[in-house]
Amino acid sequence: MPLRVQPAPAPALRSVLAALGSPTGLRGNPTPPGPRAGRDSLRPDLSLPVHVLDGITASAGPPRTRLTGWRFLLRDAHGAAGAAEAMLTADGWTFSHFCEGPFVASTETALRRAEALPTTHQPRLLSVPELYMVTLWLHGDTEADAAGGAPAPADLLVPLAPAPPGIAAHHPQRVDGLLPLLTRRLVPPPLLGAPA
């Protein structure tokens, strides 16, 4: 089934386009991704909201998510060459950084596989910084505001490569199955001889 991609805020897209078109927008950032092509041939393609998972080990309630930005896959004539991210500041949406590396190709692979699933989802990215892990979050409510919400138990998470040891990359897992596993990874085991 096709994915229902929500459009990024227009100011976020404009900030990425301005950074691609401005040599001063690249200071402090690596050159735009894709050494195989010049900056002028890169264009933003698919945009995904980026959420961070907070409170995964908190005992008071379920984990929370917060929107941190929108990531745009950048394409050239050969395919995905990298990504650009915009973040929300007090002054509105602004360009944050360019990136390339394994998460870009892994995002494309996960999206292709998600397209083949029997149900329609809204794609998002969910970051778990404590595990240096990023997942493609397939939200079941395709009409939801992409900037909000939390993972529902039946939503799917597709870990992107490289995934932490013992977690299969590109294998969709229900939230209610994967989050407990991630929580156990982050909670230190009790000390030997300590009361339980």
C-alpha atoms as a PDB file:
ATOM      1  CA  MET A   1       0.000   0.000   0.000  1.00  0.00           C
ATOM      2  CA  PRO A   2       1.262   3.513  -0.603  1.00  0.00           C
ATOM      3  CA  LEU A   3       2.607   5.529   2.295  1.00  0.00           C
ATOM      4  CA  ARG A   4       0.784   8.726   3.248  1.00  0.00           C
ATOM      5  CA  VAL A   5       3.565  11.289   3.480  1.00  0.00           C
ATOM      6  CA  GLN A   6       2.576  14.551   5.151  1.00  0.00           C
ATOM      7  CA  PRO A   7       4.079  17.670   3.545  1.00  0.00           C
ATOM      8  CA  ALA A   8       6.786  19.493   5.451  1.00  0.00           C
ATOM      9  CA  PRO A   9       6.121  23.062   6.538  1.00  0.00           C
ATOM     10  CA  ALA A  10       6.865  25.389   3.608  1.00  0.00           C
ATOM     11  CA  PRO A  11       9.374  27.477   5.645  1.00  0.00           C
ATOM     12  CA  ALA A  12      11.344  24.296   6.465  1.00  0.00           C
ATOM     13  CA  LEU A  13      11.612  23.447   2.767  1.00  0.00           C
ATOM     14  CA  ARG A  14      12.578  27.028   1.912  1.00  0.00           C
ATOM     15  CA  SER A  15      15.370  26.951   4.502  1.00  0.00           C
ATOM     16  CA  VAL A  16      16.820  23.780   2.931  1.00  0.00           C
ATOM     17  CA  LEU A  17      16.541  25.208  -0.590  1.00  0.00           C
ATOM     18  CA  ALA A  18      18.279  28.403   0.556  1.00  0.00           C
ATOM     19  CA  ALA A  19      21.116  26.374   2.120  1.00  0.00           C
ATOM     20  CA  LEU A  20      21.537  24.345  -1.066  1.00  0.00           C
ATOM     21  CA  GLY A  21      21.738  27.558  -3.083  1.00  0.00           C
ATOM     22  CA  SER A  22      24.063  29.493  -0.814  1.00  0.00           C
ATOM     23  CA  PRO A  23      27.779  28.863  -0.282  1.00  0.00           C
ATOM     24  CA  THR A  24      27.561  30.731   3.034  1.00  0.00           C
ATOM     25  CA  GLY A  25      24.837  28.328   4.182  1.00  0.00           C
ATOM     26  CA  LEU A  26      27.418  25.569   4.075  1.00  0.00           C
ATOM     27  CA  ARG A  27      29.921  27.073   6.497  1.00  0.00           C
ATOM     28  CA  GLY A  28      30.320  24.855   9.507  1.00  0.00           C
ATOM     29  CA  ASN A  29      28.678  22.001   7.634  1.00  0.00           C
ATOM     30  CA  PRO A  30      30.298  19.440   5.462  1.00  0.00           C
ATOM     31  CA  THR A  31      29.882  19.984   1.786  1.00  0.00           C
ATOM     32  CA  PRO A  32      26.448  18.941   0.670  1.00  0.00           C
ATOM     33  CA  PRO A  33      26.212  15.178   0.380  1.00  0.00           C
ATOM     34  CA  GLY A  34      27.093  13.312  -2.727  1.00  0.00           C
ATOM     35  CA  PRO A  35      30.642  13.878  -3.887  1.00  0.00           C
ATOM     36  CA  ARG A  36      29.552  12.377  -7.186  1.00  0.00           C
ATOM     37  CA  ALA A  37      27.514  15.473  -8.017  1.00  0.00           C
ATOM     38  CA  GLY A  38      27.674  19.219  -7.617  1.00  0.00           C
ATOM     39  CA  ARG A  39      25.478  21.093  -5.198  1.00  0.00           C
ATOM     40  CA  ASP A  40      23.402  22.524  -8.049  1.00  0.00           C
ATOM     41  CA  SER A  41      22.129  19.085  -9.074  1.00  0.00           C
ATOM     42  CA  LEU A  42      20.787  18.175  -5.603  1.00  0.00           C
ATOM     43  CA  ARG A  43      17.090  18.581  -4.956  1.00  0.00           C
ATOM     44  CA  PRO A  44      14.963  17.863  -1.884  1.00  0.00           C
ATOM     45  CA  ASP A  45      12.702  14.913  -2.484  1.00  0.00           C
ATOM     46  CA  LEU A  46      10.878  13.112   0.297  1.00  0.00           C
ATOM     47  CA  SER A  47      10.464  14.883   3.644  1.00  0.00           C
ATOM     48  CA  LEU A  48       9.955  13.094   6.951  1.00  0.00           C
ATOM     49  CA  PRO A  49       9.289  14.561  10.399  1.00  0.00           C
ATOM     50  CA  VAL A  50      12.026  13.667  12.890  1.00  0.00           C
ATOM     51  CA  HIS A  51      10.876  12.810  16.408  1.00  0.00           C
ATOM     52  CA  VAL A  52      13.043  11.995  19.431  1.00  0.00           C
ATOM     53  CA  LEU A  53      11.916   9.400  21.959  1.00  0.00           C
ATOM     54  CA  ASP A  54      12.207  10.718  25.533  1.00  0.00           C
ATOM     55  CA  GLY A  55      11.488   8.986  28.816  1.00  0.00           C
ATOM     56  CA  ILE A  56      11.929   5.477  27.520  1.00  0.00           C
ATOM     57  CA  THR A  57      13.018   4.258  30.974  1.00  0.00           C
ATOM     58  CA  ALA A  58      10.666   6.492  32.996  1.00  0.00           C
ATOM     59  CA  SER A  59       8.343   4.629  35.321  1.00  0.00           C
ATOM     60  CA  ALA A  60       5.724   7.387  35.195  1.00  0.00           C
ATOM     61  CA  GLY A  61       3.782   6.783  32.000  1.00  0.00           C
ATOM     62  CA  PRO A  62       4.658   5.857  28.460  1.00  0.00           C
ATOM     63  CA  PRO A  63       7.646   7.331  26.610  1.00  0.00           C
ATOM     64  CA  ARG A  64       7.127  10.736  25.004  1.00  0.00           C
ATOM     65  CA  THR A  65       8.114  11.978  21.606  1.00  0.00           C
ATOM     66  CA  ARG A  66       8.950  15.471  20.506  1.00  0.00           C
ATOM     67  CA  LEU A  67       9.369  16.851  17.015  1.00  0.00           C
ATOM     68  CA  THR A  68      12.928  18.068  16.430  1.00  0.00           C
ATOM     69  CA  GLY A  69      12.872  18.785  12.701  1.00  0.00           C
ATOM     70  CA  TRP A  70      12.133  17.682   9.165  1.00  0.00           C
ATOM     71  CA  ARG A  71      14.620  15.638   7.177  1.00  0.00           C
ATOM     72  CA  PHE A  72      14.640  15.913   3.386  1.00  0.00           C
ATOM     73  CA  LEU A  73      16.203  13.179   1.286  1.00  0.00           C
ATOM     74  CA  LEU A  74      18.367  14.858  -1.349  1.00  0.00           C
ATOM     75  CA  ARG A  75      18.457  13.355  -4.804  1.00  0.00           C
ATOM     76  CA  ASP A  76      20.569  13.853  -7.859  1.00  0.00           C
ATOM     77  CA  ALA A  77      20.441  12.094 -11.219  1.00  0.00           C
ATOM     78  CA  HIS A  78      21.781   8.890  -9.616  1.00  0.00           C
ATOM     79  CA  GLY A  79      19.404   8.623  -6.628  1.00  0.00           C
ATOM     80  CA  ALA A  80      19.631   9.559  -2.964  1.00  0.00           C
ATOM     81  CA  ALA A  81      22.839  11.463  -2.328  1.00  0.00           C
ATOM     82  CA  GLY A  82      22.252  12.552   1.258  1.00  0.00           C
ATOM     83  CA  ALA A  83      19.834  14.445   3.444  1.00  0.00           C
ATOM     84  CA  ALA A  84      19.263  17.939   4.771  1.00  0.00           C
ATOM     85  CA  GLU A  85      17.521  18.785   7.994  1.00  0.00           C
ATOM     86  CA  ALA A  86      15.573  21.834   9.107  1.00  0.00           C
ATOM     87  CA  MET A  87      14.783  22.542  12.759  1.00  0.00           C
ATOM     88  CA  LEU A  88      12.272  24.724  14.540  1.00  0.00           C
ATOM     89  CA  THR A  89      13.714  27.652  16.478  1.00  0.00           C
ATOM     90  CA  ALA A  90      12.142  30.599  18.282  1.00  0.00           C
ATOM     91  CA  ASP A  91      12.364  32.498  14.971  1.00  0.00           C
ATOM     92  CA  GLY A  92      10.725  29.740  12.916  1.00  0.00           C
ATOM     93  CA  TRP A  93      12.121  27.006  10.688  1.00  0.00           C
ATOM     94  CA  THR A  94      15.811  27.187   9.864  1.00  0.00           C
ATOM     95  CA  PHE A  95      18.312  24.986   8.070  1.00  0.00           C
ATOM     96  CA  SER A  96      20.203  22.758  10.507  1.00  0.00           C
ATOM     97  CA  HIS A  97      22.676  20.526   8.650  1.00  0.00           C
ATOM     98  CA  PHE A  98      23.459  18.224   5.758  1.00  0.00           C
ATOM     99  CA  CYS A  99      24.139  14.567   6.392  1.00  0.00           C
ATOM    100  CA  GLU A 100      25.137  11.485   4.514  1.00  0.00           C
ATOM    101  CA  GLY A 101      26.127   7.989   5.480  1.00  0.00           C
ATOM    102  CA  PRO A 102      24.431   4.692   6.206  1.00  0.00           C
ATOM    103  CA  PHE A 103      21.157   6.114   7.569  1.00  0.00           C
ATOM    104  CA  VAL A 104      20.355   7.759   4.215  1.00  0.00           C
ATOM    105  CA  ALA A 105      20.532   4.527   2.200  1.00  0.00           C
ATOM    106  CA  SER A 106      18.884   2.613   5.031  1.00  0.00           C
ATOM    107  CA  THR A 107      15.970   5.075   5.085  1.00  0.00           C
ATOM    108  CA  GLU A 108      15.405   4.473   1.380  1.00  0.00           C
ATOM    109  CA  THR A 109      15.498   0.701   1.866  1.00  0.00           C
ATOM    110  CA  ALA A 110      13.048   0.870   4.787  1.00  0.00           C
ATOM    111  CA  LEU A 111      10.660   3.109   2.816  1.00  0.00           C
ATOM    112  CA  ARG A 112      10.694   0.735  -0.168  1.00  0.00           C
ATOM    113  CA  ARG A 113       9.872  -2.205   2.086  1.00  0.00           C
ATOM    114  CA  ALA A 114       7.157  -0.216   3.878  1.00  0.00           C
ATOM    115  CA  GLU A 115       5.495   0.461   0.519  1.00  0.00           C
ATOM    116  CA  ALA A 116       5.026  -3.311   0.152  1.00  0.00           C
ATOM    117  CA  LEU A 117       3.190  -3.717   3.485  1.00  0.00           C
ATOM    118  CA  PRO A 118      -0.516  -4.601   3.254  1.00  0.00           C
ATOM    119  CA  THR A 119      -1.693  -1.532   5.210  1.00  0.00           C
ATOM    120  CA  THR A 120      -1.167   2.198   4.722  1.00  0.00           C
ATOM    121  CA  HIS A 121       0.954   4.122   7.211  1.00  0.00           C
ATOM    122  CA  GLN A 122       2.239   7.640   7.770  1.00  0.00           C
ATOM    123  CA  PRO A 123       6.073   7.528   7.712  1.00  0.00           C
ATOM    124  CA  ARG A 124       8.105   9.411  10.286  1.00  0.00           C
ATOM    125  CA  LEU A 125      11.594   9.070  11.720  1.00  0.00           C
ATOM    126  CA  LEU A 126      12.031   8.235  15.395  1.00  0.00           C
ATOM    127  CA  SER A 127      15.411   8.703  17.037  1.00  0.00           C
ATOM    128  CA  VAL A 128      16.502   6.952  20.243  1.00  0.00           C
ATOM    129  CA  PRO A 129      19.675   8.919  21.067  1.00  0.00           C
ATOM    130  CA  GLU A 130      20.668   6.780  24.065  1.00  0.00           C
ATOM    131  CA  LEU A 131      21.112   3.801  21.734  1.00  0.00           C
ATOM    132  CA  TYR A 132      22.371   5.784  18.722  1.00  0.00           C
ATOM    133  CA  MET A 133      19.386   4.312  16.914  1.00  0.00           C
ATOM    134  CA  VAL A 134      17.044   5.686  14.271  1.00  0.00           C
ATOM    135  CA  THR A 135      13.877   3.939  13.152  1.00  0.00           C
ATOM    136  CA  LEU A 136      11.338   4.494  10.439  1.00  0.00           C
ATOM    137  CA  TRP A 137       8.153   4.975  12.463  1.00  0.00           C
ATOM    138  CA  LEU A 138       5.101   3.761  10.534  1.00  0.00           C
ATOM    139  CA  HIS A 139       2.199   5.488  12.258  1.00  0.00           C
ATOM    140  CA  GLY A 140      -1.189   3.844  11.800  1.00  0.00           C
ATOM    141  CA  ASP A 141      -3.212   7.090  11.839  1.00  0.00           C
ATOM    142  CA  THR A 142      -2.493   8.355   8.337  1.00  0.00           C
ATOM    143  CA  GLU A 143      -4.456  11.587   8.886  1.00  0.00           C
ATOM    144  CA  ALA A 144      -2.696  12.580  12.125  1.00  0.00           C
ATOM    145  CA  ASP A 145      -0.674  15.759  12.408  1.00  0.00           C
ATOM    146  CA  ALA A 146       2.869  14.604  11.591  1.00  0.00           C
ATOM    147  CA  ALA A 147       4.296  17.037  14.163  1.00  0.00           C
ATOM    148  CA  GLY A 148       2.637  15.388  17.163  1.00  0.00           C
ATOM    149  CA  GLY A 149       1.556  12.196  18.753  1.00  0.00           C
ATOM    150  CA  ALA A 150       3.277   9.235  20.300  1.00  0.00           C
ATOM    151  CA  PRO A 151       3.886   5.746  18.974  1.00  0.00           C
ATOM    152  CA  ALA A 152       0.748   3.638  19.348  1.00  0.00           C
ATOM    153  CA  PRO A 153       1.203   0.019  20.473  1.00  0.00           C
ATOM    154  CA  ALA A 154       0.252  -1.291  17.003  1.00  0.00           C
ATOM    155  CA  ASP A 155       2.442   1.178  15.083  1.00  0.00           C
ATOM    156  CA  LEU A 156       5.488  -0.321  13.402  1.00  0.00           C
ATOM    157  CA  LEU A 157       9.115   0.634  13.974  1.00  0.00           C
ATOM    158  CA  VAL A 158      11.682  -0.328  11.346  1.00  0.00           C
ATOM    159  CA  PRO A 159      15.223  -0.027  12.767  1.00  0.00           C
ATOM    160  CA  LEU A 160      17.590   1.584  10.283  1.00  0.00           C
ATOM    161  CA  ALA A 161      21.067   0.203   9.660  1.00  0.00           C
ATOM    162  CA  PRO A 162      23.305   0.267  11.517  1.00  0.00           C
ATOM    163  CA  ALA A 163      21.036  -0.994  14.296  1.00  0.00           C
ATOM    164  CA  PRO A 164      22.270  -1.788  17.805  1.00  0.00           C
ATOM    165  CA  PRO A 165      23.567  -5.337  18.296  1.00  0.00           C
ATOM    166  CA  GLY A 166      20.770  -7.891  18.565  1.00  0.00           C
ATOM    167  CA  ILE A 167      18.198  -5.700  16.789  1.00  0.00           C
ATOM    168  CA  ALA A 168      17.505  -6.583  13.162  1.00  0.00           C
ATOM    169  CA  ALA A 169      17.713  -3.664  10.742  1.00  0.00           C
ATOM    170  CA  HIS A 170      14.861  -3.256   8.258  1.00  0.00           C
ATOM    171  CA  HIS A 171      12.670  -5.736  10.147  1.00  0.00           C
ATOM    172  CA  PRO A 172       9.322  -4.072  11.057  1.00  0.00           C
ATOM    173  CA  GLN A 173       8.347  -4.617  14.679  1.00  0.00           C
ATOM    174  CA  ARG A 174       5.305  -3.465  16.610  1.00  0.00           C
ATOM    175  CA  VAL A 175       5.946  -0.683  19.113  1.00  0.00           C
ATOM    176  CA  ASP A 176       4.621  -2.808  21.987  1.00  0.00           C
ATOM    177  CA  GLY A 177       7.234  -5.461  21.127  1.00  0.00           C
ATOM    178  CA  LEU A 178      10.295  -3.308  20.411  1.00  0.00           C
ATOM    179  CA  LEU A 179      10.019  -0.606  23.100  1.00  0.00           C
ATOM    180  CA  PRO A 180      10.274  -3.055  26.025  1.00  0.00           C
ATOM    181  CA  LEU A 181      13.419  -4.508  24.425  1.00  0.00           C
ATOM    182  CA  LEU A 182      14.930  -1.033  24.071  1.00  0.00           C
ATOM    183  CA  THR A 183      13.995  -0.180  27.664  1.00  0.00           C
ATOM    184  CA  ARG A 184      15.772  -3.286  28.953  1.00  0.00           C
ATOM    185  CA  ARG A 185      18.873  -2.210  27.012  1.00  0.00           C
ATOM    186  CA  LEU A 186      18.913   1.145  28.785  1.00  0.00           C
ATOM    187  CA  VAL A 187      18.177   0.024  32.349  1.00  0.00           C
ATOM    188  CA  PRO A 188      21.349  -1.168  34.069  1.00  0.00           C
ATOM    189  CA  PRO A 189      21.153  -4.623  35.618  1.00  0.00           C
ATOM    190  CA  PRO A 190      20.949  -4.770  39.438  1.00  0.00           C
ATOM    191  CA  LEU A 191      24.238  -5.100  41.281  1.00  0.00           C
ATOM    192  CA  LEU A 192      25.065  -8.548  42.594  1.00  0.00           C
ATOM    193  CA  GLY A 193      24.032  -8.834  46.222  1.00  0.00           C
ATOM    194  CA  ALA A 194      21.818  -5.721  46.025  1.00  0.00           C
ATOM    195  CA  PRO A 195      18.219  -6.071  47.249  1.00  0.00           C
ATOM    196  CA  ALA A 196      15.765  -6.601  44.402  1.00  0.00           C
END
